[in-house]
Protein backbone atom coordinates (compact mmCIF):
# COMPACT_ATOMS: atom_id res chain seq x y z
CA UNK A 1 -42.08 97.62 42.82
CA UNK A 2 -39.47 95.98 45.04
CA UNK A 3 -40.16 92.40 46.11
CA UNK A 4 -39.23 90.51 49.28
CA UNK A 5 -37.53 87.15 49.68
CA UNK A 6 -37.19 84.79 52.61
CA UNK A 7 -33.80 83.06 52.56
CA UNK A 8 -33.95 79.84 54.57
CA UNK A 9 -30.40 78.70 55.24
CA UNK A 10 -29.50 75.00 55.40
CA UNK A 11 -32.65 73.55 56.97
CA UNK A 12 -31.31 70.09 56.22
CA UNK A 13 -31.28 66.89 58.25
CA UNK A 14 -27.55 66.95 58.93
CA UNK A 15 -27.85 70.31 60.72
CA UNK A 16 -30.88 69.34 62.79
CA UNK A 17 -31.32 66.97 65.73
CA UNK A 18 -29.61 63.66 65.06
CA UNK A 19 -27.62 65.01 62.12
CA UNK A 20 -23.88 64.62 61.65
CA UNK A 21 -23.33 68.35 62.19
CA UNK A 22 -26.38 69.12 64.32
CA UNK A 23 -26.87 72.66 65.59
CA UNK A 24 -28.27 72.69 69.12
CA UNK A 25 -32.05 73.22 68.99
CA UNK A 26 -31.86 73.47 65.22
CA UNK A 27 -35.24 71.76 64.88
CA UNK A 28 -36.85 74.71 66.66
CA UNK A 29 -36.59 76.90 63.56
CA UNK A 30 -38.52 74.54 61.26
CA UNK A 31 -42.03 75.54 62.44
CA UNK A 32 -40.92 79.17 62.35
CA UNK A 33 -39.85 78.77 58.72
CA UNK A 34 -43.28 77.36 57.92
CA UNK A 35 -44.99 80.32 59.62
CA UNK A 36 -42.84 82.84 57.78
CA UNK A 37 -43.10 81.56 54.22
CA UNK A 38 -46.56 82.90 53.32
CA UNK A 39 -45.50 86.46 54.16
CA UNK A 40 -42.96 86.80 51.33
CA UNK A 41 -43.07 87.19 47.58
CA UNK A 42 -40.37 84.55 47.12
CA UNK A 43 -38.98 81.75 49.26
CA UNK A 44 -35.43 80.50 48.67
CA UNK A 45 -33.72 77.59 50.42
CA UNK A 46 -30.00 76.88 50.50
CA UNK A 47 -28.59 73.37 50.60
CA UNK A 48 -25.11 72.16 51.38
CA UNK A 49 -24.48 69.80 48.46
CA UNK A 50 -21.01 68.36 48.89
CA UNK A 51 -19.27 65.63 46.93
CA UNK A 52 -18.10 62.72 49.12
CA UNK A 53 -14.46 63.76 48.77
CA UNK A 54 -15.08 67.36 49.82
CA UNK A 55 -12.08 69.24 51.17
CA UNK A 56 -13.91 70.25 54.39
CA UNK A 57 -14.43 66.71 55.69
CA UNK A 58 -11.96 65.68 58.39
CA UNK A 59 -12.41 62.08 57.23
CA UNK A 60 -10.68 63.01 53.98
CA UNK A 61 -7.54 64.18 55.81
CA UNK A 62 -5.82 61.27 57.61
CA UNK A 63 -4.10 62.41 60.78
CA UNK A 64 -6.50 65.29 61.31
CA UNK A 65 -9.71 65.55 63.30
CA UNK A 66 -12.91 67.57 63.34
CA UNK A 67 -12.20 71.13 64.43
CA UNK A 68 -8.67 71.24 63.05
CA UNK A 69 -7.70 74.03 60.68
CA UNK A 70 -5.46 73.12 57.77
CA UNK A 71 -4.27 75.06 54.74
CA UNK A 72 -5.61 74.06 51.34
CA UNK A 73 -4.38 75.93 48.28
CA UNK A 74 -2.96 78.59 50.62
CA UNK A 75 -6.32 79.16 52.34
CA UNK A 76 -7.27 78.10 55.90
CA UNK A 77 -9.89 75.34 56.01
CA UNK A 78 -11.82 74.24 59.09
CA UNK A 79 -12.45 70.50 59.13
CA UNK A 80 -15.99 69.26 59.74
CA UNK A 81 -17.76 65.92 60.08
CA UNK A 82 -19.04 64.48 56.82
CA UNK A 83 -22.27 66.36 56.10
CA UNK A 84 -24.56 67.50 53.31
CA UNK A 85 -23.33 64.83 50.90
CA UNK A 86 -25.10 64.98 47.56
CA UNK A 87 -28.16 62.68 47.34
CA UNK A 88 -27.73 61.48 50.94
CA UNK A 89 -30.57 61.56 53.52
CA UNK A 90 -28.55 64.08 55.53
CA UNK A 91 -28.67 66.54 52.63
CA UNK A 92 -32.48 66.33 52.42
CA UNK A 93 -34.57 69.16 53.76
CA UNK A 94 -36.03 68.53 57.23
CA UNK A 95 -39.11 66.31 57.00
CA UNK A 96 -41.33 68.86 58.77
CA UNK A 97 -40.34 71.77 56.54
CA UNK A 98 -43.04 72.88 54.13
CA UNK A 99 -41.21 72.68 50.81
CA UNK A 100 -44.24 73.33 48.60
CA UNK A 101 -43.70 77.08 48.75
CA UNK A 102 -39.98 77.06 47.92
CA UNK A 103 -39.45 78.68 44.52
CA UNK A 104 -35.69 78.29 44.31
CA UNK A 105 -32.91 76.16 45.77
CA UNK A 106 -29.30 77.29 46.04
CA UNK A 107 -26.81 74.42 46.03
CA UNK A 108 -23.53 75.35 47.68
CA UNK A 109 -20.26 73.60 48.45
CA UNK A 110 -20.41 71.63 45.20
CA UNK A 111 -16.73 72.21 44.34
CA UNK A 112 -14.52 69.54 45.90
CA UNK A 113 -11.67 71.98 46.55
CA UNK A 114 -13.51 74.97 48.03
CA UNK A 115 -15.89 75.25 50.97
CA UNK A 116 -18.94 77.49 50.74
CA UNK A 117 -20.75 79.02 53.70
CA UNK A 118 -22.45 81.88 51.87
CA UNK A 119 -25.55 81.48 49.71
CA UNK A 120 -23.93 83.83 47.18
CA UNK A 121 -20.27 82.80 46.81
CA UNK A 122 -17.75 80.15 47.71
CA UNK A 123 -15.47 81.01 50.62
CA UNK A 124 -12.78 82.38 48.31
CA UNK A 125 -15.24 84.45 46.27
CA UNK A 126 -13.98 82.75 43.12
CA UNK A 127 -17.41 81.67 41.93
CA UNK A 128 -20.92 82.89 42.55
CA UNK A 129 -24.07 80.85 42.87
CA UNK A 130 -27.15 81.76 40.84
CA UNK A 131 -28.82 83.49 43.80
CA UNK A 132 -27.97 87.09 42.92
CA UNK A 133 -29.27 86.58 39.39
CA UNK A 134 -32.48 85.01 40.69
CA UNK A 135 -33.13 87.90 43.07
CA UNK A 136 -32.36 90.55 40.47
CA UNK A 137 -34.56 88.84 37.88
CA UNK A 138 -37.52 88.98 40.24
CA UNK A 139 -36.71 92.52 41.42
CA UNK A 140 -36.05 91.51 45.01
CA UNK A 141 -34.32 94.16 47.10
CA UNK A 142 -35.29 93.11 50.62
CA UNK A 143 -33.89 89.80 51.89
CA UNK A 144 -34.98 88.27 55.19
CA UNK A 145 -32.57 85.60 56.43
CA UNK A 146 -33.19 82.78 58.90
CA UNK A 147 -31.77 79.32 59.52
CA UNK A 148 -28.59 77.47 60.45
CA UNK A 149 -26.10 78.36 61.64
CA UNK A 150 -25.98 81.97 62.84
CA UNK A 151 -22.20 82.05 63.18
CA UNK A 152 -21.43 80.47 59.81
CA UNK A 153 -23.78 80.23 56.83
CA UNK A 154 -26.28 82.83 58.05
CA UNK A 155 -23.51 85.31 58.79
CA UNK A 156 -21.65 84.92 55.52
CA UNK A 157 -24.83 84.97 53.46
CA UNK A 158 -25.87 88.17 55.22
CA UNK A 159 -22.51 89.89 54.70
CA UNK A 160 -22.38 89.01 51.01
CA UNK A 161 -25.96 90.18 50.48
CA UNK A 162 -25.11 93.52 52.05
CA UNK A 163 -22.03 93.92 49.86
CA UNK A 164 -24.20 93.24 46.82
CA UNK A 165 -26.49 96.10 47.78
CA UNK A 166 -29.51 94.24 49.15
CA UNK A 167 -31.44 95.39 52.20
CA UNK A 168 -30.91 92.61 54.72
CA UNK A 169 -33.05 91.68 57.69
CA UNK A 170 -31.90 88.89 60.00
CA UNK A 171 -34.77 87.13 61.76
CA UNK A 172 -32.77 86.52 64.90
CA UNK A 173 -35.20 84.27 66.78
CA UNK A 174 -35.43 82.01 63.71
CA UNK A 175 -31.68 81.33 63.72
CA UNK A 176 -29.59 78.96 65.81
CA UNK A 177 -25.81 78.90 66.15
CA UNK A 178 -22.91 76.59 66.88
CA UNK A 179 -20.97 78.41 69.61
CA UNK A 180 -22.57 81.00 71.88
CA UNK A 181 -19.54 83.32 71.84
CA UNK A 182 -19.27 83.07 68.07
CA UNK A 183 -22.98 83.82 67.71
CA UNK A 184 -22.55 87.05 69.65
CA UNK A 185 -19.62 88.05 67.44
CA UNK A 186 -21.58 87.14 64.31
CA UNK A 187 -24.58 89.21 65.34
CA UNK A 188 -22.37 92.19 66.11
CA UNK A 189 -20.55 91.81 62.79
CA UNK A 190 -23.78 91.62 60.79
CA UNK A 191 -25.31 94.60 62.56
CA UNK A 192 -22.21 96.75 62.08
CA UNK A 193 -22.20 95.81 58.38
CA UNK A 194 -25.73 97.18 58.02
CA UNK A 195 -28.10 94.30 58.71
CA UNK A 196 -31.32 95.07 60.53
CA UNK A 197 -32.57 92.67 63.19
CA UNK A 198 -36.17 91.57 63.30
CA UNK A 199 -38.30 88.95 65.08
CA UNK A 200 -40.72 86.38 63.69
CA UNK A 201 -43.61 88.13 65.42
CA UNK A 202 -42.78 91.38 63.60
CA UNK A 203 -43.56 89.60 60.34
CA UNK A 204 -46.37 87.14 61.07
CA UNK A 205 -48.35 89.57 63.27
CA UNK A 206 -48.39 92.42 60.76
C-alpha cells in the first residue's frame, strides 16, 4: 500500500523572521507544519547545510553583492547572503517547529562548488541526495510539499519529484515566497508540470 510523506522545506532560522535570508512572513508556516505532521505516514525536513566558503555566498566573491549572478564552472550562480552554515544557529530548525515527528533530514548544499535548491539533487543534477532512496524504501508515492521558499527550494523540489514519478501535492497556503512575481511564475510552472494544489484545511479537516 502506498504511503504518504510530508516534505517540509527549509524551516530554518535563517529563512524565518530575523534570519540572514528571511522570507517575508516565513514564521507563519511553522504552526501549519505542526498541524500537518500527524496526518502523514512520514515526515521529512530539508536543511540548507552549507560550508562557510560556499560558492553561493556573495561574501566569498569580492567585488560582487547579494543578488548578482556570476558564472561558476560555466553555470550561472545567484549570490546570496551567508545562510544555512553548517552547525550555526541560523541552520537550526525554527525553535517552534515540532521536530519530534521528523523521521528523516535531507542535508543539501553541502558541496562548496555547487548550490542546491532541490531536496533531491544539486542544481546541476550531478549528485542526488538520499531522499529518493528513503521514499522508495518506505513505499512512498504521494509527496505533500510545504515550506520556504515557494519560488526556489519548494519549486525545484516539486519539479524533481514529479520527474522522478512521484505524485506531488503543493500545500500552497503553507508556503511563502521571496518575490511575488516569481511566486506566481513558480506556481504556474509547478501546476503545468503536474503538481496538484491543496490547502492545509483539506488535510487537517479530513
